[in-house]
């Protein structure tokens, strides 16, 4: 199947702290792609090329006002653009072997915006003295948008004469570096390129119960999901995904 679509979205504007208002955000998304199956459905291959055009892109953050008070503010950028290509390959190689591969290429660009945030130590706001700090983020990349990401999953089922089965699996994820905010403030505000491997082993009794052992983030990688700071001598704080995690799930079918 070859397809194309044009879709739109809308977020309303509103009144915020201090009585200021902000405008609506609209989105128009253009997409073309293909969905294909081969070998009686054993192989599925999907592709998608898209372009998303935001108008009035809304950016919300806590801010420090020039008088020392604090408030929560939403501002509209002139827009933002996101484009990319995604592909998915899922294959049942044999009755007992399954392989899945997904990849994504992404490009983002923010429109004209004077960024305000109390979460970061920003330069004095000469452009708008009513705020303590700001940064012109026009043309910056959006947060959490790596240029390239890919994931491979493989599993094989070993079937026992008793009717039970063992299924080991491995999942490998890789993505390039990405920013953690629209301020793009250097390495402290960035998650560098990383890999993450998850492994598991599922036992099905063939009767009524099963057990699933797993290890997630085998590398024990430090993967940031958010960051803030820059004040107090340039100190940043960050939030992270869970470290290496392992466990067992047990279930009963009835």
Protein backbone atom coordinates (compact mmCIF):
# COMPACT_ATOMS: atom_id res chain seq x y z
CA UNK A 1 0.00 0.00 0.00
CA UNK A 2 1.27 3.45 -0.96
CA UNK A 3 -0.33 6.32 0.93
CA UNK A 4 -0.21 10.06 1.51
CA UNK A 5 -1.89 12.20 4.14
CA UNK A 6 -2.26 15.79 5.30
CA UNK A 7 -3.42 16.27 8.88
CA UNK A 8 -3.81 19.25 11.19
CA UNK A 9 -3.74 19.82 14.94
CA UNK A 10 -4.62 22.68 17.27
CA UNK A 11 -3.79 23.80 20.84
CA UNK A 12 -5.68 26.79 22.15
CA UNK A 13 -4.15 29.94 23.59
CA UNK A 14 -5.04 31.09 27.09
CA UNK A 15 -4.59 33.57 29.92
CA UNK A 16 -1.66 32.97 32.26
CA UNK A 17 0.05 34.34 35.41
CA UNK A 18 -0.21 38.12 35.62
CA UNK A 19 -3.02 38.30 33.07
CA UNK A 20 -0.77 37.97 30.01
CA UNK A 21 -2.11 35.93 27.10
CA UNK A 22 -0.54 33.62 24.56
CA UNK A 23 -1.80 32.54 21.16
CA UNK A 24 -2.81 29.15 19.80
CA UNK A 25 -0.47 26.58 18.31
CA UNK A 26 -1.35 24.88 15.05
CA UNK A 27 0.29 22.00 13.25
CA UNK A 28 0.10 20.78 9.68
CA UNK A 29 1.68 17.41 9.02
CA UNK A 30 2.45 16.02 5.56
CA UNK A 31 3.27 12.34 5.22
CA UNK A 32 3.87 9.83 2.43
CA UNK A 33 4.78 6.22 2.92
CA UNK A 34 4.39 2.58 2.07
CA UNK A 35 3.27 -0.56 3.88
CA UNK A 36 4.38 -3.87 2.40
CA UNK A 37 4.20 -7.55 3.28
CA UNK A 38 6.09 -10.42 1.70
CA UNK A 39 6.19 -14.21 1.90
CA UNK A 40 2.60 -14.60 3.01
CA UNK A 41 2.95 -12.00 5.76
CA UNK A 42 6.18 -13.38 7.23
CA UNK A 43 7.95 -10.10 6.42
CA UNK A 44 6.48 -6.65 7.04
CA UNK A 45 8.27 -3.55 5.72
CA UNK A 46 6.90 -0.06 6.45
CA UNK A 47 8.35 3.33 5.50
CA UNK A 48 7.25 6.88 6.25
CA UNK A 49 8.54 10.31 5.15
CA UNK A 50 7.02 13.28 6.96
CA UNK A 51 7.21 17.04 7.42
CA UNK A 52 5.57 18.83 10.37
CA UNK A 53 5.03 22.58 10.23
CA UNK A 54 4.15 24.30 13.53
CA UNK A 55 2.73 27.83 13.70
CA UNK A 56 2.75 29.66 17.04
CA UNK A 57 4.78 26.87 18.68
CA UNK A 58 4.10 27.10 22.44
CA UNK A 59 7.02 27.02 24.88
CA UNK A 60 6.22 27.00 28.61
CA UNK A 61 8.64 27.47 31.52
CA UNK A 62 8.99 28.95 35.01
CA UNK A 63 10.58 32.42 34.77
CA UNK A 64 12.29 34.94 37.03
CA UNK A 65 10.84 38.42 36.68
CA UNK A 66 13.03 41.52 36.93
CA UNK A 67 11.41 42.44 40.30
CA UNK A 68 12.51 39.09 41.79
CA UNK A 69 9.11 37.41 41.64
CA UNK A 70 8.52 34.16 39.80
CA UNK A 71 5.77 33.05 37.45
CA UNK A 72 4.98 30.38 34.87
CA UNK A 73 5.01 31.73 31.32
CA UNK A 74 4.06 30.41 27.88
CA UNK A 75 5.37 32.16 24.78
CA UNK A 76 4.74 31.55 21.10
CA UNK A 77 7.61 30.98 18.72
CA UNK A 78 6.99 32.04 15.14
CA UNK A 79 6.99 28.35 14.36
CA UNK A 80 8.96 25.14 14.34
CA UNK A 81 9.70 22.56 11.67
CA UNK A 82 10.26 18.82 12.09
CA UNK A 83 11.05 16.45 9.25
CA UNK A 84 12.19 12.89 9.10
CA UNK A 85 12.12 9.38 7.74
CA UNK A 86 11.13 6.24 9.64
CA UNK A 87 11.36 2.62 8.59
CA UNK A 88 10.31 -0.65 10.23
CA UNK A 89 11.20 -4.20 9.23
CA UNK A 90 9.63 -7.12 11.07
CA UNK A 91 10.44 -10.64 9.94
CA UNK A 92 9.38 -14.07 11.12
CA UNK A 93 12.52 -15.81 9.88
CA UNK A 94 11.30 -19.27 10.87
CA UNK A 95 8.50 -20.61 13.03
CA UNK A 96 10.75 -19.95 16.04
CA UNK A 97 12.83 -16.91 15.02
CA UNK A 98 11.64 -13.29 15.02
CA UNK A 99 13.63 -10.20 14.02
CA UNK A 100 12.56 -6.56 14.20
CA UNK A 101 14.48 -3.48 13.05
CA UNK A 102 13.37 0.15 13.33
CA UNK A 103 15.28 3.28 12.31
CA UNK A 104 14.48 6.99 12.38
CA UNK A 105 16.16 10.07 10.92
CA UNK A 106 14.98 13.41 12.34
CA UNK A 107 15.71 17.09 11.69
CA UNK A 108 14.22 19.93 13.78
CA UNK A 109 14.43 23.73 13.70
CA UNK A 110 12.80 26.25 16.00
CA UNK A 111 11.40 29.52 14.65
CA UNK A 112 12.00 32.96 16.11
CA UNK A 113 11.72 32.90 19.92
CA UNK A 114 13.20 34.71 22.89
CA UNK A 115 13.52 31.82 25.35
CA UNK A 116 12.84 32.41 29.03
CA UNK A 117 13.37 29.90 31.83
CA UNK A 118 14.25 29.94 35.50
CA UNK A 119 15.48 26.34 35.17
CA UNK A 120 18.67 27.64 33.53
CA UNK A 121 21.13 30.42 34.32
CA UNK A 122 20.59 32.62 31.26
CA UNK A 123 22.24 35.92 30.30
CA UNK A 124 20.65 39.19 31.44
CA UNK A 125 17.59 39.86 29.29
CA UNK A 126 18.52 43.05 27.45
CA UNK A 127 15.85 42.43 24.80
CA UNK A 128 13.08 42.36 27.46
CA UNK A 129 14.17 43.90 30.80
CA UNK A 130 10.96 42.75 32.50
CA UNK A 131 12.61 39.34 32.91
CA UNK A 132 15.75 38.36 34.75
CA UNK A 133 17.35 36.26 32.02
CA UNK A 134 16.70 35.13 28.45
CA UNK A 135 18.34 33.67 25.36
CA UNK A 136 17.53 34.01 21.68
CA UNK A 137 16.87 30.40 20.65
CA UNK A 138 15.87 31.11 17.06
CA UNK A 139 17.06 28.29 14.81
CA UNK A 140 17.88 25.96 17.70
CA UNK A 141 17.06 22.26 17.62
CA UNK A 142 14.15 20.91 19.64
CA UNK A 143 14.73 18.79 22.71
CA UNK A 144 14.82 14.97 22.66
CA UNK A 145 15.23 14.78 18.88
CA UNK A 146 18.33 12.73 17.95
CA UNK A 147 19.31 12.91 14.30
CA UNK A 148 19.41 9.11 14.06
CA UNK A 149 18.02 6.30 16.20
CA UNK A 150 17.79 2.57 15.61
CA UNK A 151 16.66 -0.53 17.48
CA UNK A 152 17.16 -4.22 16.71
CA UNK A 153 15.28 -7.01 18.49
CA UNK A 154 15.83 -10.74 18.00
CA UNK A 155 14.30 -13.72 19.77
CA UNK A 156 14.32 -17.48 19.28
CA UNK A 157 11.96 -20.02 20.82
CA UNK A 158 13.23 -23.43 21.92
CA UNK A 159 10.32 -25.88 22.15
CA UNK A 160 10.50 -28.80 24.58
CA UNK A 161 8.89 -32.23 24.02
CA UNK A 162 6.79 -31.60 27.12
CA UNK A 163 5.10 -28.64 25.45
CA UNK A 164 7.06 -26.06 27.43
CA UNK A 165 9.24 -23.48 25.70
CA UNK A 166 12.22 -21.19 26.39
CA UNK A 167 12.53 -17.88 24.51
CA UNK A 168 15.71 -15.81 24.93
CA UNK A 169 15.61 -12.32 23.41
CA UNK A 170 17.95 -9.38 22.98
CA UNK A 171 17.13 -5.77 22.14
CA UNK A 172 19.79 -3.25 21.12
CA UNK A 173 19.09 0.50 20.90
CA UNK A 174 21.39 3.23 19.57
CA UNK A 175 20.83 6.94 19.10
CA UNK A 176 22.96 9.96 18.34
CA UNK A 177 23.36 12.92 20.69
CA UNK A 178 20.32 15.08 21.44
CA UNK A 179 19.61 18.29 23.33
CA UNK A 180 17.66 18.26 26.58
CA UNK A 181 16.17 21.74 26.11
CA UNK A 182 15.64 24.30 23.36
CA UNK A 183 18.46 26.39 24.87
CA UNK A 184 21.14 24.03 23.47
CA UNK A 185 23.57 25.06 26.24
CA UNK A 186 26.49 22.73 25.59
CA UNK A 187 27.46 19.30 26.88
CA UNK A 188 25.67 19.67 30.24
CA UNK A 189 22.41 20.28 28.36
CA UNK A 190 22.92 17.31 26.04
CA UNK A 191 22.59 13.54 26.13
CA UNK A 192 25.54 12.19 24.21
CA UNK A 193 25.18 9.30 21.78
CA UNK A 194 24.56 6.05 23.61
CA UNK A 195 23.67 2.38 23.30
CA UNK A 196 21.30 0.45 25.52
CA UNK A 197 20.93 -3.32 25.53
CA UNK A 198 18.08 -5.26 27.12
CA UNK A 199 18.04 -9.06 27.41
CA UNK A 200 15.41 -11.47 28.62
CA UNK A 201 14.46 -15.12 28.94
CA UNK A 202 10.84 -16.28 28.96
CA UNK A 203 9.75 -19.73 30.11
CA UNK A 204 6.25 -20.95 29.28
CA UNK A 205 5.25 -24.11 31.12
CA UNK A 206 2.87 -25.28 28.44
CA UNK A 207 0.17 -25.44 31.08
CA UNK A 208 -0.95 -22.41 33.07
CA UNK A 209 2.08 -20.43 34.21
CA UNK A 210 5.08 -18.60 32.81
CA UNK A 211 8.16 -16.74 34.08
CA UNK A 212 10.07 -13.91 32.44
CA UNK A 213 13.58 -12.93 33.61
CA UNK A 214 15.09 -9.70 32.31
CA UNK A 215 18.06 -7.36 32.50
CA UNK A 216 17.52 -3.81 31.23
CA UNK A 217 20.28 -1.33 30.44
CA UNK A 218 22.96 -4.02 30.50
CA UNK A 219 25.67 -1.40 29.94
CA UNK A 220 24.54 0.46 33.09
CA UNK A 221 24.70 3.60 30.95
CA UNK A 222 23.98 7.06 32.38
CA UNK A 223 21.18 8.25 30.08
CA UNK A 224 19.88 11.74 30.85
CA UNK A 225 16.22 12.60 30.32
CA UNK A 226 16.33 16.21 31.58
CA UNK A 227 18.78 18.81 32.85
CA UNK A 228 18.72 22.25 34.41
CA UNK A 229 21.05 24.73 36.06
CA UNK A 230 24.12 26.61 34.97
CA UNK A 231 24.11 28.92 37.99
CA UNK A 232 26.10 28.51 41.20
CA UNK A 233 29.41 28.18 39.43
CA UNK A 234 27.99 26.45 36.35
CA UNK A 235 26.59 23.45 38.21
CA UNK A 236 23.91 21.48 36.33
CA UNK A 237 21.57 18.86 37.73
CA UNK A 238 20.07 16.07 35.63
CA UNK A 239 17.47 13.34 35.71
CA UNK A 240 18.33 9.89 34.39
CA UNK A 241 16.72 6.76 33.09
CA UNK A 242 16.96 3.77 35.46
CA UNK A 243 20.44 2.17 35.76
CA UNK A 244 20.97 -1.52 35.10
CA UNK A 245 17.78 -3.19 36.29
CA UNK A 246 17.01 -6.89 36.58
CA UNK A 247 14.11 -8.93 37.79
CA UNK A 248 11.64 -11.77 37.23
CA UNK A 249 7.94 -11.61 36.35
CA UNK A 250 5.76 -14.64 37.04
CA UNK A 251 2.22 -15.06 35.80
CA UNK A 252 -0.64 -17.55 35.71
CA UNK A 253 -3.20 -17.93 32.93
CA UNK A 254 -6.70 -18.90 34.07
